[in-house]
Amino acid sequence: MSDKKTTQYRSAKSGEFVTKQYAETHKSTTVKERNNVPKPSPSKSRGK
């Protein structure tokens, strides 16, 4: 089974996530990351 991944872009200067458009125009200061999609957290209610 393969895990789903998402592509995210992060600023090398501030460490904050940035948009794909910003990353494409500022290639020298952004990092492209491939991260696993977070699994949904289980519901806290038990449905009694």
Protein backbone atom coordinates (compact mmCIF):
# COMPACT_ATOMS: atom_id res chain seq x y z
CA MET A 1 0.00 0.00 0.00
CA SER A 2 1.42 3.39 -0.96
CA ASP A 3 1.09 6.40 1.29
CA LYS A 4 -0.28 9.56 -0.26
CA LYS A 5 2.09 12.49 -0.41
CA THR A 6 1.62 16.18 -0.91
CA THR A 7 4.04 18.77 -2.28
CA GLN A 8 4.63 21.79 -0.07
CA TYR A 9 6.93 24.76 -0.46
CA ARG A 10 8.85 26.38 2.40
CA SER A 11 10.83 29.60 2.55
CA ALA A 12 14.52 28.96 3.25
CA LYS A 13 14.77 32.32 5.01
CA SER A 14 11.82 32.23 7.41
CA GLY A 15 10.89 28.55 7.44
CA GLU A 16 7.25 29.39 6.73
CA PHE A 17 5.16 27.61 4.13
CA VAL A 18 4.62 29.60 0.94
CA THR A 19 2.40 29.22 -2.11
CA LYS A 20 3.47 27.37 -5.24
CA GLN A 21 3.31 30.63 -7.19
CA TYR A 22 5.66 32.36 -4.73
CA ALA A 23 8.03 29.37 -4.81
CA GLU A 24 8.20 29.40 -8.59
CA THR A 25 9.13 33.10 -8.69
CA HIS A 26 11.66 32.83 -5.82
CA LYS A 27 13.39 29.53 -6.62
CA SER A 28 16.66 30.45 -4.92
CA THR A 29 15.02 30.97 -1.52
CA THR A 30 12.40 28.21 -1.42
CA VAL A 31 12.55 24.48 -0.76
CA LYS A 32 10.17 21.93 -2.28
CA GLU A 33 9.12 19.21 0.17
CA ARG A 34 7.24 15.93 -0.33
CA ASN A 35 5.35 15.14 2.87
CA ASN A 36 2.92 12.40 3.85
CA VAL A 37 -0.70 13.48 3.98
CA PRO A 38 -1.71 13.58 7.65
CA LYS A 39 -4.18 10.88 8.66
CA PRO A 40 -7.47 12.17 10.04
CA SER A 41 -7.55 12.06 13.81
CA PRO A 42 -10.09 9.67 15.33
CA SER A 43 -13.33 11.12 16.58
CA LYS A 44 -13.37 11.79 20.31
CA SER A 45 -17.07 11.10 20.71
CA ARG A 46 -18.03 7.47 21.16
CA GLY A 47 -21.60 7.89 19.95
CA LYS A 48 -23.38 6.59 23.04
